[in-house]
């Protein structure tokens, strides 16, 4: 698993981080992981699979529709594009 080093963190920020970690019953390192995870992977982010499932439900797409599409799909490999 990757490791991260944070340089030039102010003493005030480090102290605040340690206090926040203690408040949550975690180490400072665990608190930093929670903060970073929340920052880059927010709970309200759009998840592609869920978004596609929601769209198919709204349009009334059924498993039978998907099976029909699979049966009529061209299974031949795509030809590469040619540029002159």
Protein backbone atom coordinates (compact mmCIF):
# COMPACT_ATOMS: atom_id res chain seq x y z
CA UNK A 1 0.00 0.00 0.00
CA UNK A 2 1.37 3.46 -0.85
CA UNK A 3 2.67 5.72 1.88
CA UNK A 4 2.47 9.51 1.95
CA UNK A 5 4.71 11.97 3.75
CA UNK A 6 3.39 15.44 4.51
CA UNK A 7 6.11 18.04 4.93
CA UNK A 8 5.91 21.57 6.32
CA UNK A 9 2.72 20.99 8.30
CA UNK A 10 2.32 23.78 10.83
CA UNK A 11 2.45 22.93 14.52
CA UNK A 12 -1.06 24.32 14.92
CA UNK A 13 -2.44 22.06 12.19
CA UNK A 14 -0.62 19.04 13.59
CA UNK A 15 -1.98 19.74 17.07
CA UNK A 16 -5.51 20.23 15.74
CA UNK A 17 -5.22 16.96 13.83
CA UNK A 18 -4.10 15.09 16.94
CA UNK A 19 -6.98 16.61 18.95
CA UNK A 20 -9.48 15.66 16.24
CA UNK A 21 -8.09 12.12 16.13
CA UNK A 22 -8.35 11.78 19.92
CA UNK A 23 -11.93 13.04 19.80
CA UNK A 24 -12.76 10.26 17.31
CA UNK A 25 -10.73 7.61 19.15
CA UNK A 26 -8.22 7.19 16.33
CA UNK A 27 -4.53 7.70 15.78
CA UNK A 28 -3.44 10.82 13.91
CA UNK A 29 -2.52 8.62 10.95
CA UNK A 30 -5.96 6.96 10.91
CA UNK A 31 -7.60 10.39 11.16
CA UNK A 32 -5.60 11.60 8.15
CA UNK A 33 -6.75 8.57 6.15
CA UNK A 34 -10.38 9.33 7.00
CA UNK A 35 -9.98 13.00 6.05
CA UNK A 36 -8.26 12.18 2.74
CA UNK A 37 -10.79 9.47 1.86
CA UNK A 38 -13.70 11.86 2.48
CA UNK A 39 -12.01 14.57 0.43
CA UNK A 40 -11.31 12.53 -2.68
CA UNK A 41 -14.15 10.00 -2.51
CA UNK A 42 -17.19 11.84 -1.12
CA UNK A 43 -20.25 9.78 -0.25
CA UNK A 44 -22.42 11.77 -2.70
CA UNK A 45 -20.17 11.12 -5.70
CA UNK A 46 -21.75 9.80 -8.89
CA UNK A 47 -21.14 6.08 -9.29
CA UNK A 48 -21.29 5.12 -12.95
CA UNK A 49 -22.82 1.67 -12.46
CA UNK A 50 -25.54 3.01 -10.17
CA UNK A 51 -26.25 5.91 -12.55
CA UNK A 52 -26.68 3.51 -15.49
CA UNK A 53 -28.93 1.23 -13.44
CA UNK A 54 -31.07 4.21 -12.42
CA UNK A 55 -31.40 5.33 -16.05
CA UNK A 56 -32.46 1.85 -17.16
CA UNK A 57 -35.06 1.66 -14.39
CA UNK A 58 -36.47 5.08 -15.30
CA UNK A 59 -36.79 4.10 -18.97
CA UNK A 60 -38.37 0.75 -18.10
CA UNK A 61 -35.57 -1.36 -19.56
CA UNK A 62 -35.99 -5.03 -18.61
CA UNK A 63 -33.74 -8.08 -18.72
CA UNK A 64 -35.69 -9.24 -21.77
CA UNK A 65 -34.76 -6.00 -23.54
CA UNK A 66 -31.10 -6.50 -22.74
CA UNK A 67 -31.22 -10.11 -23.97
CA UNK A 68 -32.85 -8.97 -27.22
CA UNK A 69 -30.11 -6.40 -27.73
CA UNK A 70 -27.44 -9.04 -27.09
CA UNK A 71 -28.97 -11.35 -29.71
CA UNK A 72 -28.99 -8.68 -32.41
CA UNK A 73 -25.56 -7.24 -31.55
CA UNK A 74 -22.88 -7.45 -34.22
CA UNK A 75 -20.13 -9.61 -32.70
CA UNK A 76 -17.61 -8.89 -35.46
CA UNK A 77 -14.47 -7.13 -34.25
CA UNK A 78 -14.36 -3.42 -34.98
CA UNK A 79 -12.18 -2.30 -37.86
CA UNK A 80 -9.47 0.23 -37.05
CA UNK A 81 -10.01 3.76 -38.30
CA UNK A 82 -8.10 4.80 -41.42
CA UNK A 83 -6.78 8.29 -41.88
CA UNK A 84 -5.50 9.56 -45.17
